[in-house]
Protein backbone atom coordinates (compact mmCIF):
# COMPACT_ATOMS: atom_id res chain seq x y z
CA UNK A 1 -68.56 40.83 -48.20
CA UNK A 2 -67.71 44.38 -47.18
CA UNK A 3 -69.23 47.07 -49.61
CA UNK A 4 -68.06 50.59 -49.84
CA UNK A 5 -70.04 53.56 -50.72
CA UNK A 6 -69.99 57.26 -49.40
CA UNK A 7 -71.93 60.23 -50.58
CA UNK A 8 -70.54 63.56 -49.46
CA UNK A 9 -73.52 66.33 -49.03
CA UNK A 10 -71.97 69.43 -47.37
CA UNK A 11 -68.56 70.09 -45.93
CA UNK A 12 -68.78 72.47 -42.97
CA UNK A 13 -66.05 74.85 -42.04
CA UNK A 14 -64.49 73.84 -38.35
CA UNK A 15 -65.30 76.68 -35.99
CA UNK A 16 -63.32 77.54 -32.91
CA UNK A 17 -64.95 78.51 -29.52
CA UNK A 18 -63.32 79.84 -26.35
CA UNK A 19 -65.80 78.05 -23.84
CA UNK A 20 -68.10 75.32 -23.21
CA UNK A 21 -71.19 75.13 -25.38
CA UNK A 22 -73.85 77.53 -24.39
CA UNK A 23 -77.64 76.84 -24.95
CA UNK A 24 -79.41 80.06 -25.94
CA UNK A 25 -83.09 80.49 -26.14
CA UNK A 26 -84.22 81.89 -29.57
CA UNK A 27 -87.91 81.10 -29.41
CA UNK A 28 -89.48 84.49 -30.20
CA UNK A 29 -86.64 85.50 -32.81
CA UNK A 30 -87.23 82.17 -34.51
CA UNK A 31 -90.71 82.93 -34.83
CA UNK A 32 -92.23 80.26 -32.73
CA UNK A 33 -95.53 81.79 -31.31
CA UNK A 34 -96.90 78.46 -30.18
CA UNK A 35 -99.16 78.37 -27.06
CA UNK A 36 -100.06 75.12 -25.55
CA UNK A 37 -103.65 74.60 -24.27
CA UNK A 38 -104.04 72.03 -21.52
CA UNK A 39 -107.77 72.65 -21.32
CA UNK A 40 -108.01 72.69 -17.49
CA UNK A 41 -111.26 74.00 -15.83
CA UNK A 42 -110.45 73.16 -12.17
CA UNK A 43 -112.05 69.48 -12.29
CA UNK A 44 -108.37 68.08 -12.25
CA UNK A 45 -108.98 65.60 -15.28
CA UNK A 46 -105.69 63.65 -15.60
CA UNK A 47 -105.41 64.32 -19.46
CA UNK A 48 -104.65 67.97 -18.69
CA UNK A 49 -101.45 67.15 -16.60
CA UNK A 50 -99.14 65.04 -18.85
CA UNK A 51 -98.31 67.42 -21.40
CA UNK A 52 -97.31 66.66 -25.11
CA UNK A 53 -94.37 66.10 -27.50
CA UNK A 54 -92.93 67.46 -30.79
CA UNK A 55 -91.02 66.36 -33.85
CA UNK A 56 -87.86 67.65 -35.40
CA UNK A 57 -88.11 66.34 -39.09
CA UNK A 58 -87.58 67.38 -42.65
CA UNK A 59 -91.21 67.59 -43.68
CA UNK A 60 -90.54 69.20 -47.22
CA UNK A 61 -87.44 67.45 -48.56
CA UNK A 62 -85.17 70.49 -48.57
CA UNK A 63 -82.51 69.35 -45.98
CA UNK A 64 -83.53 71.33 -43.13
CA UNK A 65 -85.54 70.34 -39.91
CA UNK A 66 -88.82 71.40 -39.72
CA UNK A 67 -90.97 71.50 -36.35
CA UNK A 68 -94.25 69.91 -35.48
CA UNK A 69 -95.67 70.77 -32.15
CA UNK A 70 -98.53 68.65 -30.51
CA UNK A 71 -101.36 70.66 -28.68
CA UNK A 72 -104.00 69.86 -26.08
CA UNK A 73 -107.68 70.64 -26.39
CA UNK A 74 -110.76 71.90 -24.07
CA UNK A 75 -111.90 69.35 -21.53
CA UNK A 76 -115.35 69.58 -20.04
CA UNK A 77 -115.74 72.97 -18.45
CA UNK A 78 -112.77 74.96 -20.26
CA UNK A 79 -113.84 78.32 -21.41
CA UNK A 80 -110.79 79.57 -22.92
CA UNK A 81 -109.16 79.81 -26.33
CA UNK A 82 -107.85 76.52 -28.38
CA UNK A 83 -105.74 75.76 -31.40
CA UNK A 84 -104.93 72.81 -33.21
CA UNK A 85 -101.54 71.28 -33.67
CA UNK A 86 -98.93 73.20 -35.11
CA UNK A 87 -96.37 72.90 -38.10
CA UNK A 88 -93.48 75.38 -38.84
CA UNK A 89 -91.38 75.35 -41.80
CA UNK A 90 -87.74 76.05 -41.26
CA UNK A 91 -86.87 79.09 -43.39
CA UNK A 92 -83.07 78.27 -43.31
CA UNK A 93 -82.10 81.52 -42.02
CA UNK A 94 -82.82 81.06 -38.08
CA UNK A 95 -86.58 81.32 -38.40
CA UNK A 96 -89.56 79.36 -38.73
CA UNK A 97 -92.93 80.00 -40.53
CA UNK A 98 -96.48 78.62 -39.47
CA UNK A 99 -97.48 76.36 -42.43
CA UNK A 100 -100.02 74.25 -40.55
CA UNK A 101 -102.98 74.95 -42.83
CA UNK A 102 -101.02 74.64 -46.09
CA UNK A 103 -99.51 71.34 -44.77
CA UNK A 104 -102.86 69.87 -43.74
CA UNK A 105 -101.67 68.62 -40.28
CA UNK A 106 -103.70 70.60 -37.91
CA UNK A 107 -105.18 67.73 -35.90
CA UNK A 108 -107.39 69.42 -33.09
CA UNK A 109 -107.75 66.34 -30.81
CA UNK A 110 -106.27 66.24 -27.43
CA UNK A 111 -102.69 65.58 -28.64
CA UNK A 112 -100.06 63.68 -26.84
CA UNK A 113 -97.21 62.58 -28.96
CA UNK A 114 -95.61 62.61 -32.45
CA UNK A 115 -93.83 59.94 -34.44
CA UNK A 116 -92.14 60.27 -37.88
CA UNK A 117 -91.38 57.67 -40.44
CA UNK A 118 -91.39 56.89 -44.06
CA UNK A 119 -93.94 54.14 -43.82
CA UNK A 120 -94.54 53.85 -47.61
CA UNK A 121 -91.00 54.10 -48.64
CA UNK A 122 -91.69 56.81 -51.08
CA UNK A 123 -88.56 59.19 -49.98
CA UNK A 124 -90.51 61.54 -47.54
CA UNK A 125 -91.52 61.65 -44.13
CA UNK A 126 -94.90 60.80 -42.77
CA UNK A 127 -96.24 61.74 -39.35
CA UNK A 128 -98.43 59.92 -36.83
CA UNK A 129 -99.97 61.81 -33.99
CA UNK A 130 -101.15 60.20 -30.75
CA UNK A 131 -104.05 61.42 -28.91
CA UNK A 132 -106.34 61.02 -25.97
CA UNK A 133 -108.82 59.75 -28.25
CA UNK A 134 -108.19 58.34 -31.85
CA UNK A 135 -104.80 58.76 -33.34
CA UNK A 136 -104.01 60.25 -36.85
CA UNK A 137 -101.68 59.13 -39.54
CA UNK A 138 -100.73 61.82 -42.11
CA UNK A 139 -98.95 60.43 -45.16
CA UNK A 140 -96.69 62.94 -46.87
CA UNK A 141 -97.70 63.60 -50.34
CA UNK A 142 -94.64 65.55 -51.23
CA UNK A 143 -93.32 69.35 -50.81
CA UNK A 144 -94.76 69.37 -47.38
CA UNK A 145 -98.35 68.57 -48.02
CA UNK A 146 -99.86 65.89 -46.00
CA UNK A 147 -103.18 63.66 -46.04
CA UNK A 148 -105.21 62.11 -43.47
CA UNK A 149 -105.04 58.39 -44.30
CA UNK A 150 -105.82 57.13 -40.87
CA UNK A 151 -109.10 55.33 -41.89
CA UNK A 152 -107.55 53.76 -44.91
CA UNK A 153 -104.42 52.71 -42.96
CA UNK A 154 -106.61 51.36 -39.87
CA UNK A 155 -104.42 52.95 -37.55
CA UNK A 156 -106.60 55.19 -35.37
CA UNK A 157 -106.35 53.45 -32.02
CA UNK A 158 -108.80 55.09 -29.88
CA UNK A 159 -107.13 54.65 -26.26
CA UNK A 160 -105.16 57.23 -24.42
CA UNK A 161 -102.14 57.24 -26.78
CA UNK A 162 -98.68 58.52 -25.56
CA UNK A 163 -95.34 57.62 -27.14
CA UNK A 164 -95.28 56.36 -30.69
CA UNK A 165 -92.57 54.71 -32.89
CA UNK A 166 -91.79 53.65 -36.27
CA UNK A 167 -89.60 50.50 -36.36
CA UNK A 168 -88.94 47.49 -38.46
CA UNK A 169 -89.27 44.90 -35.70
CA UNK A 170 -89.43 42.14 -38.18
CA UNK A 171 -86.75 43.26 -40.57
CA UNK A 172 -88.78 42.88 -43.80
CA UNK A 173 -87.56 46.28 -45.02
CA UNK A 174 -90.60 48.38 -44.19
CA UNK A 175 -91.49 50.41 -41.13
CA UNK A 176 -94.05 49.16 -38.78
CA UNK A 177 -95.84 51.16 -35.99
CA UNK A 178 -96.09 51.00 -32.20
CA UNK A 179 -98.39 53.03 -30.26
CA UNK A 180 -98.01 53.16 -26.36
CA UNK A 181 -101.11 53.61 -24.33
CA UNK A 182 -101.54 55.22 -20.75
CA UNK A 183 -104.76 54.13 -19.02
CA UNK A 184 -108.74 53.94 -19.18
CA UNK A 185 -109.86 57.48 -18.35
CA UNK A 186 -113.51 58.81 -18.83
CA UNK A 187 -114.15 62.42 -17.47
CA UNK A 188 -117.74 61.28 -16.54
CA UNK A 189 -116.13 58.88 -13.99
CA UNK A 190 -113.25 61.26 -12.72
CA UNK A 191 -112.16 60.61 -9.07
CA UNK A 192 -111.14 63.11 -6.75
CA UNK A 193 -107.86 62.73 -4.85
CA UNK A 194 -106.17 65.01 -2.45
CA UNK A 195 -102.98 65.71 -0.64
CA UNK A 196 -104.35 66.69 2.94
CA UNK A 197 -107.31 68.98 1.82
CA UNK A 198 -105.77 70.22 -1.34
CA UNK A 199 -107.12 68.64 -4.67
CA UNK A 200 -104.63 67.14 -6.87
CA UNK A 201 -104.55 65.01 -10.11
CA UNK A 202 -105.04 61.39 -9.04
CA UNK A 203 -102.09 58.84 -9.25
CA UNK A 204 -101.70 56.56 -12.38
CA UNK A 205 -103.00 53.39 -10.50
CA UNK A 206 -106.28 55.04 -9.95
CA UNK A 207 -107.50 53.95 -13.30
CA UNK A 208 -107.03 50.60 -15.27
CA UNK A 209 -104.09 50.47 -17.75
CA UNK A 210 -104.10 49.90 -21.43
CA UNK A 211 -101.90 47.84 -23.71
CA UNK A 212 -99.90 49.52 -26.44
CA UNK A 213 -100.67 48.61 -30.00
CA UNK A 214 -98.16 46.98 -32.80
CA UNK A 215 -99.21 47.44 -36.37
CA UNK A 216 -97.26 45.40 -38.86
CA UNK A 217 -96.79 47.15 -42.23
CA UNK A 218 -98.12 44.91 -44.85
CA UNK A 219 -97.26 47.44 -47.61
CA UNK A 220 -100.03 47.50 -50.16
CA UNK A 221 -102.33 46.01 -47.73
CA UNK A 222 -101.97 48.51 -45.13
CA UNK A 223 -101.08 47.99 -41.49
CA UNK A 224 -102.44 44.90 -39.35
CA UNK A 225 -102.68 44.76 -35.76
CA UNK A 226 -100.68 42.22 -34.56
CA UNK A 227 -100.30 42.99 -30.77
CA UNK A 228 -101.56 39.60 -29.36
CA UNK A 229 -99.78 37.41 -31.77
CA UNK A 230 -96.36 39.43 -31.06
CA UNK A 231 -96.97 38.99 -27.21
CA UNK A 232 -97.44 42.71 -26.56
CA UNK A 233 -100.99 42.56 -25.31
CA UNK A 234 -100.20 43.60 -21.65
CA UNK A 235 -102.57 45.95 -20.00
CA UNK A 236 -100.80 46.10 -16.50
CA UNK A 237 -98.59 49.01 -17.28
CA UNK A 238 -99.23 52.82 -17.48
CA UNK A 239 -97.17 53.29 -20.72
CA UNK A 240 -95.53 56.86 -21.11
CA UNK A 241 -92.42 56.15 -23.04
CA UNK A 242 -91.92 53.20 -25.61
CA UNK A 243 -88.26 53.27 -27.19
CA UNK A 244 -86.82 50.54 -29.55
CA UNK A 245 -83.15 49.45 -29.35
CA UNK A 246 -81.16 46.34 -30.03
CA UNK A 247 -79.71 46.12 -26.33
CA UNK A 248 -78.67 42.34 -26.88
CA UNK A 249 -76.71 43.14 -30.15
CA UNK A 250 -78.53 40.43 -32.15
CA UNK A 251 -79.65 42.53 -34.89
CA UNK A 252 -83.38 43.30 -34.21
CA UNK A 253 -85.06 45.82 -32.22
CA UNK A 254 -86.06 45.12 -28.58
CA UNK A 255 -88.84 47.35 -26.84
CA UNK A 256 -88.32 49.36 -23.38
CA UNK A 257 -91.58 50.53 -22.01
CA UNK A 258 -91.43 53.24 -19.28
CA UNK A 259 -94.50 52.54 -16.93
CA UNK A 260 -95.89 54.82 -14.67
CA UNK A 261 -96.05 53.45 -11.07
CA UNK A 262 -95.96 50.04 -12.49
CA UNK A 263 -92.99 47.87 -13.48
CA UNK A 264 -91.17 48.80 -16.47
CA UNK A 265 -91.38 46.48 -19.50
CA UNK A 266 -88.37 45.14 -21.37
CA UNK A 267 -89.79 43.02 -24.40
CA UNK A 268 -87.08 41.02 -26.15
CA UNK A 269 -87.46 40.61 -29.72
CA UNK A 270 -87.25 36.79 -30.51
CA UNK A 271 -86.81 37.42 -34.04
CA UNK A 272 -89.75 35.33 -35.17
CA UNK A 273 -92.15 38.07 -34.91
CA UNK A 274 -92.85 37.91 -31.27
CA UNK A 275 -91.72 39.50 -28.18
CA UNK A 276 -90.74 38.19 -24.65
CA UNK A 277 -91.09 40.26 -21.57
CA UNK A 278 -87.96 40.16 -19.63
CA UNK A 279 -88.04 43.31 -17.49
CA UNK A 280 -87.78 41.76 -14.03
CA UNK A 281 -85.22 39.21 -15.13
CA UNK A 282 -83.25 41.79 -16.71
CA UNK A 283 -83.03 44.15 -13.97
CA UNK A 284 -85.02 47.08 -15.31
CA UNK A 285 -88.39 46.58 -14.14
CA UNK A 286 -87.59 48.16 -10.68
CA UNK A 287 -85.02 50.67 -9.37
CA UNK A 288 -82.40 49.50 -7.06
CA UNK A 289 -84.66 49.55 -4.03
CA UNK A 290 -86.92 47.42 -5.62
CA UNK A 291 -89.71 49.85 -6.41
CA UNK A 292 -91.76 50.42 -9.59
CA UNK A 293 -90.85 53.92 -10.61
CA UNK A 294 -92.88 56.84 -11.57
CA UNK A 295 -91.13 56.32 -15.37
CA UNK A 296 -91.99 59.21 -17.70
CA UNK A 297 -89.44 59.61 -20.66
CA UNK A 298 -86.78 57.17 -21.43
CA UNK A 299 -83.72 56.62 -23.97
CA UNK A 300 -81.29 53.86 -24.93
CA UNK A 301 -77.63 55.03 -25.47
CA UNK A 302 -74.17 53.73 -25.06
CA UNK A 303 -73.06 56.24 -22.71
CA UNK A 304 -69.79 54.25 -21.84
CA UNK A 305 -68.63 53.32 -25.23
CA UNK A 306 -68.75 49.62 -24.56
CA UNK A 307 -70.82 48.77 -27.39
CA UNK A 308 -73.93 48.05 -25.33
CA UNK A 309 -77.11 50.04 -24.96
CA UNK A 310 -77.67 51.37 -21.64
CA UNK A 311 -81.14 53.03 -20.46
CA UNK A 312 -81.93 56.15 -18.92
CA UNK A 313 -85.30 57.01 -17.46
CA UNK A 314 -87.12 60.23 -16.11
CA UNK A 315 -88.97 59.98 -12.94
CA UNK A 316 -91.43 61.77 -10.61
CA UNK A 317 -90.06 64.40 -8.12
CA UNK A 318 -88.32 63.21 -4.86
CA UNK A 319 -87.19 60.10 -6.70
CA UNK A 320 -83.91 59.81 -8.66
CA UNK A 321 -83.94 59.52 -12.36
CA UNK A 322 -82.58 56.07 -13.10
CA UNK A 323 -79.76 54.99 -15.14
CA UNK A 324 -79.54 51.15 -16.16
CA UNK A 325 -76.08 49.90 -17.18
CA UNK A 326 -76.12 47.26 -19.69
CA UNK A 327 -73.77 44.39 -18.20
CA UNK A 328 -74.21 42.08 -21.28
CA UNK A 329 -75.62 38.70 -21.33
CA UNK A 330 -79.28 40.28 -20.98
CA UNK A 331 -78.59 41.96 -17.49
CA UNK A 332 -78.64 45.63 -16.09
CA UNK A 333 -77.53 47.18 -13.04
CA UNK A 334 -78.90 50.33 -11.61
CA UNK A 335 -75.93 52.76 -11.40
CA UNK A 336 -77.84 55.93 -10.73
CA UNK A 337 -75.80 57.05 -7.84
CA UNK A 338 -72.72 55.68 -8.79
CA UNK A 339 -72.89 57.63 -11.88
CA UNK A 340 -73.62 60.83 -10.21
CA UNK A 341 -77.14 61.18 -11.60
CA UNK A 342 -79.19 60.59 -8.35
CA UNK A 343 -78.89 63.30 -5.97
CA UNK A 344 -79.18 66.31 -8.45
CA UNK A 345 -82.20 64.96 -9.92
CA UNK A 346 -84.36 64.36 -6.76
CA UNK A 347 -85.93 67.73 -6.24
CA UNK A 348 -87.00 67.90 -9.77
CA UNK A 349 -90.01 66.06 -11.64
CA UNK A 350 -88.36 64.79 -14.74
CA UNK A 351 -90.37 64.09 -17.93
CA UNK A 352 -88.08 63.77 -20.95
CA UNK A 353 -84.74 62.03 -20.33
CA UNK A 354 -82.42 61.54 -23.39
CA UNK A 355 -78.58 60.77 -24.40
CA UNK A 356 -76.98 63.14 -26.82
CA UNK A 357 -73.58 64.56 -27.37
CA UNK A 358 -74.27 68.15 -26.67
CA UNK A 359 -70.19 68.94 -26.50
CA UNK A 360 -69.28 66.68 -29.64
CA UNK A 361 -66.44 64.98 -27.37
CA UNK A 362 -67.62 61.53 -28.40
CA UNK A 363 -69.55 60.85 -25.22
CA UNK A 364 -73.07 60.81 -24.74
CA UNK A 365 -74.32 63.26 -22.01
CA UNK A 366 -77.89 63.36 -20.61
CA UNK A 367 -80.70 66.13 -20.75
CA UNK A 368 -83.77 66.12 -18.57
CA UNK A 369 -86.81 68.44 -19.03
CA UNK A 370 -88.39 69.28 -15.50
CA UNK A 371 -91.98 70.42 -14.67
CA UNK A 372 -94.52 69.50 -12.15
CA UNK A 373 -97.97 68.35 -12.97
CA UNK A 374 -100.13 70.27 -10.28
CA UNK A 375 -100.23 73.93 -10.98
CA UNK A 376 -101.02 74.12 -7.16
CA UNK A 377 -98.29 71.83 -5.97
CA UNK A 378 -96.95 74.63 -3.66
CA UNK A 379 -100.02 74.67 -1.48
CA UNK A 380 -99.20 71.00 -0.26
CA UNK A 381 -95.63 70.70 -0.87
CA UNK A 382 -94.01 74.13 -0.33
CA UNK A 383 -90.48 72.74 -1.00
CA UNK A 384 -91.10 72.67 -4.69
CA UNK A 385 -92.63 74.70 -7.54
CA UNK A 386 -94.95 74.02 -10.67
CA UNK A 387 -92.25 75.54 -13.24
CA UNK A 388 -88.85 74.17 -12.96
CA UNK A 389 -85.45 74.51 -14.59
CA UNK A 390 -84.41 71.52 -17.03
CA UNK A 391 -80.90 69.67 -16.33
CA UNK A 392 -77.80 68.99 -18.28
CA UNK A 393 -75.33 66.48 -17.29
CA UNK A 394 -72.03 66.22 -18.89
CA UNK A 395 -70.53 62.75 -19.50
CA UNK A 396 -66.88 62.75 -17.84
CA UNK A 397 -65.88 59.70 -19.72
CA UNK A 398 -65.04 57.54 -16.42
CA UNK A 399 -68.54 56.36 -15.93
CA UNK A 400 -69.84 59.18 -14.05
CA UNK A 401 -71.59 62.67 -14.98
CA UNK A 402 -71.34 66.13 -13.76
CA UNK A 403 -74.09 68.55 -13.64
CA UNK A 404 -73.38 71.38 -15.93
CA UNK A 405 -76.71 73.13 -15.89
CA UNK A 406 -75.78 76.50 -14.55
CA UNK A 407 -72.68 76.78 -16.67
CA UNK A 408 -74.39 75.93 -20.21
CA UNK A 409 -75.91 79.09 -21.09
CA UNK A 410 -78.95 81.20 -20.20
CA UNK A 411 -81.50 79.02 -21.94
CA UNK A 412 -80.98 76.24 -19.30
CA UNK A 413 -81.75 78.70 -16.59
CA UNK A 414 -85.39 79.52 -17.35
CA UNK A 415 -87.99 77.81 -15.20
CA UNK A 416 -90.96 76.63 -17.19
CA UNK A 417 -93.46 73.41 -17.10
CA UNK A 418 -91.29 71.55 -19.42
CA UNK A 419 -92.43 68.09 -20.51
CA UNK A 420 -91.56 67.01 -23.95
CA UNK A 421 -88.30 67.72 -25.54
CA UNK A 422 -86.71 66.74 -29.11
CA UNK A 423 -83.35 66.99 -30.35
CA UNK A 424 -81.64 67.91 -33.82
CA UNK A 425 -79.54 70.08 -35.49
CA UNK A 426 -82.02 72.66 -36.68
CA UNK A 427 -79.42 75.32 -38.16
CA UNK A 428 -77.28 72.65 -39.77
CA UNK A 429 -74.17 73.78 -37.97
CA UNK A 430 -72.99 70.52 -36.85
CA UNK A 431 -74.19 70.45 -33.01
CA UNK A 432 -77.49 69.38 -31.62
CA UNK A 433 -80.24 71.76 -30.67
CA UNK A 434 -83.09 71.28 -28.51
CA UNK A 435 -87.09 71.99 -28.49
CA UNK A 436 -88.87 72.04 -25.36
CA UNK A 437 -92.73 71.64 -25.04
CA UNK A 438 -94.00 73.72 -22.09
CA UNK A 439 -97.25 72.60 -20.71
CA UNK A 440 -98.45 75.65 -18.99
CA UNK A 441 -95.89 78.30 -19.52
CA UNK A 442 -96.63 81.31 -21.81
CA UNK A 443 -94.50 79.57 -24.63
CA UNK A 444 -92.50 76.62 -25.91
CA UNK A 445 -88.61 76.99 -25.70
CA UNK A 446 -86.22 76.62 -28.56
CA UNK A 447 -82.55 76.23 -27.46
CA UNK A 448 -79.68 76.71 -29.94
CA UNK A 449 -76.41 75.20 -29.08
CA UNK A 450 -73.91 77.65 -29.52
CA UNK A 451 -70.21 76.12 -29.49
CA UNK A 452 -71.01 72.46 -29.66
CA UNK A 453 -69.35 72.44 -33.04
CA UNK A 454 -65.99 73.45 -31.74
CA UNK A 455 -65.11 69.84 -31.54
CA UNK A 456 -64.97 67.92 -34.53
CA UNK A 457 -68.00 65.92 -35.74
CA UNK A 458 -69.52 63.76 -38.47
CA UNK A 459 -73.22 63.87 -39.36
CA UNK A 460 -74.48 60.53 -41.04
CA UNK A 461 -77.54 60.08 -42.58
CA UNK A 462 -78.55 56.55 -43.67
CA UNK A 463 -80.84 55.76 -46.55
CA UNK A 464 -81.85 52.08 -46.77
CA UNK A 465 -82.48 50.00 -49.76
CA UNK A 466 -83.04 46.62 -48.80
CA UNK A 467 -83.70 47.75 -45.39
CA UNK A 468 -86.22 50.59 -44.49
CA UNK A 469 -85.54 54.01 -46.34
CA UNK A 470 -84.97 56.00 -43.06
CA UNK A 471 -82.31 53.44 -41.84
CA UNK A 472 -84.03 53.08 -38.64
CA UNK A 473 -82.42 50.36 -36.59
CA UNK A 474 -79.14 50.52 -38.48
CA UNK A 475 -76.11 50.33 -36.17
CA UNK A 476 -73.19 52.84 -36.64
CA UNK A 477 -69.73 52.02 -35.39
CA UNK A 478 -67.06 54.69 -35.55
CA UNK A 479 -63.39 54.42 -34.88
CA UNK A 480 -61.35 57.66 -34.47
CA UNK A 481 -58.08 57.14 -33.02
CA UNK A 482 -58.74 55.84 -29.38
CA UNK A 483 -62.33 56.76 -29.39
CA UNK A 484 -64.72 53.94 -30.48
CA UNK A 485 -68.59 54.63 -30.29
CA UNK A 486 -71.80 52.80 -31.44
CA UNK A 487 -74.73 54.43 -32.06
CA UNK A 488 -78.16 53.71 -33.55
CA UNK A 489 -80.15 55.58 -36.13
CA UNK A 490 -83.62 56.12 -34.91
CA UNK A 491 -86.36 58.91 -34.30
CA UNK A 492 -88.48 58.10 -31.36
CA UNK A 493 -87.11 58.29 -27.92
CA UNK A 494 -87.26 60.82 -24.86
CA UNK A 495 -91.10 61.77 -24.09
CA UNK A 496 -93.63 61.60 -26.76
CA UNK A 497 -91.58 63.00 -29.50
CA UNK A 498 -89.68 62.38 -32.53
CA UNK A 499 -85.93 63.52 -33.26
CA UNK A 500 -83.62 64.34 -36.07
CA UNK A 501 -83.03 61.14 -37.90
CA UNK A 502 -79.46 62.35 -38.85
CA UNK A 503 -76.80 60.93 -36.30
CA UNK A 504 -74.28 63.36 -35.08
CA UNK A 505 -71.22 61.81 -34.01
CA UNK A 506 -68.83 63.78 -31.69
CA UNK A 507 -65.36 63.32 -32.20
CA UNK A 508 -63.36 65.76 -29.99
CA UNK A 509 -60.03 66.68 -31.28
CA UNK A 510 -59.91 63.89 -33.92
CA UNK A 511 -60.06 65.28 -37.41
CA UNK A 512 -61.13 62.02 -39.21
CA UNK A 513 -62.83 58.74 -38.60
CA UNK A 514 -60.52 55.91 -39.46
CA UNK A 515 -63.14 53.34 -39.75
CA UNK A 516 -67.01 53.98 -40.22
CA UNK A 517 -69.02 50.76 -40.41
CA UNK A 518 -72.93 50.63 -41.07
CA UNK A 519 -74.70 47.49 -39.85
CA UNK A 520 -78.08 47.70 -41.64
CA UNK A 521 -81.37 45.84 -40.51
CA UNK A 522 -81.00 43.78 -43.60
CA UNK A 523 -77.76 42.21 -42.57
CA UNK A 524 -75.60 44.09 -44.78
CA UNK A 525 -72.49 45.87 -43.56
CA UNK A 526 -70.52 48.80 -45.29
CA UNK A 527 -67.34 49.95 -44.26
CA UNK A 528 -65.78 53.21 -45.07
CA UNK A 529 -62.36 54.45 -44.37
CA UNK A 530 -60.36 57.50 -43.54
CA UNK A 531 -63.54 59.90 -43.22
CA UNK A 532 -62.75 63.51 -42.92
CA UNK A 533 -64.56 65.05 -39.88
CA UNK A 534 -66.69 68.20 -40.06
CA UNK A 535 -68.96 67.15 -42.89
CA UNK A 536 -72.46 65.74 -43.23
CA UNK A 537 -72.65 62.70 -45.67
CA UNK A 538 -75.31 60.32 -46.74
CA UNK A 539 -74.60 56.50 -46.84
CA UNK A 540 -76.89 54.79 -49.30
CA UNK A 541 -77.11 50.88 -48.60
CA UNK A 542 -75.84 48.80 -51.39
CA UNK A 543 -77.90 45.85 -52.28
């Protein structure tokens, strides 16, 4: 039985713009004074090079996205300044205020990633931080104040944590947690690697890999490590991104893991608490040349609006970023060059790759953050640089993309060592903004989207009742005239980051959504008819 429920929060006036959306850097005027510490001392410890992520999330429940930025820490021999992770509160006027001490979230480990989810189902967003070393779980106590509950929850995995994600993999109504791991690395056993005579960071295959960890949420009993019984105890990879999405449309979350210089993993959710690795059979373990990619960030998204989730992967310099098209029946095809994403990406070292609709035309575009790992790369490869510009690719709607970086505002022309990037509507104006973590530049980068809301849009926030409260894993199908798009609600994608859980649906020139359907993880389906565009709405799951 279809059940209907609609809660309108805010109606936003429809603006008019004379040109394509422009991204403008507003870092300084927004009050973001964060400085990343990579802890480098010249010894080329691999931990220094990979950078960190961030999180856009409403930490205090006021309806505005706050920002959490993950920082590095000193490595042996480092003599410079250091500082913990940073937490900024959105002041609702275009600026952010530092609230780290008051929030209690200033972890001072060597940070990597951040994941957000309401794991205790109390209505506020909790925060998980991955580190080179023990990870940390902060429970939101309300009003933006957090408590470290790592020991009680038993989720402080001590590996080299990278990307993490809250997900209801078993569809029991609460959020579980997956924490990816990179490799075994001990500074006292640091190898020396060279490009000719130039000292560089060693490649990922220099050290043994680590398996990620799956924690099942057992509610009052805390979390249980179920990695082995779930079939995920595979340490052959070098995991840098772990993104969940229902690629076979069977209602449960599957897991794609981007591995650095090792075959990617595609773990099919069997629906009984276990996963089966299908990467090679599905066609996503290797690129079209049969090579294991230097895979960094990754994302799921239905870029061609055929109802199936595709995969985008960022890769190392002099290799193309990779687009895997979901052909259905469990198979994918590498269509990178056919989609016009190959040649333009080769000169850059991609870290974050993500789908998002920057111009609200109903088609998912692609953003890639770029930046090298070796600060001395020009000594052995004068054809490139350490700082690099990021890239934006517009979806043409015919299966191909066009790079529009140079035409999309001054914020995309800056060159920095950009690694993590997160996406969200931080000014609540109906289009998606971007925060970029820069791993060696003077400061981070906040990019405001000016003009993306010139097209119609609909912002959807799903509140689960039988399903997890965040609505993570819910599938939204929107029909607006000839435009049919399918999107999933989630937070964790890209590179070590957590993104706005609110779903922004671009509608182009269509002033309403004729049919909006929400497919909840619980199996419930809700249908809304004739929904006006240019508003934000909350849909609460009806039991």
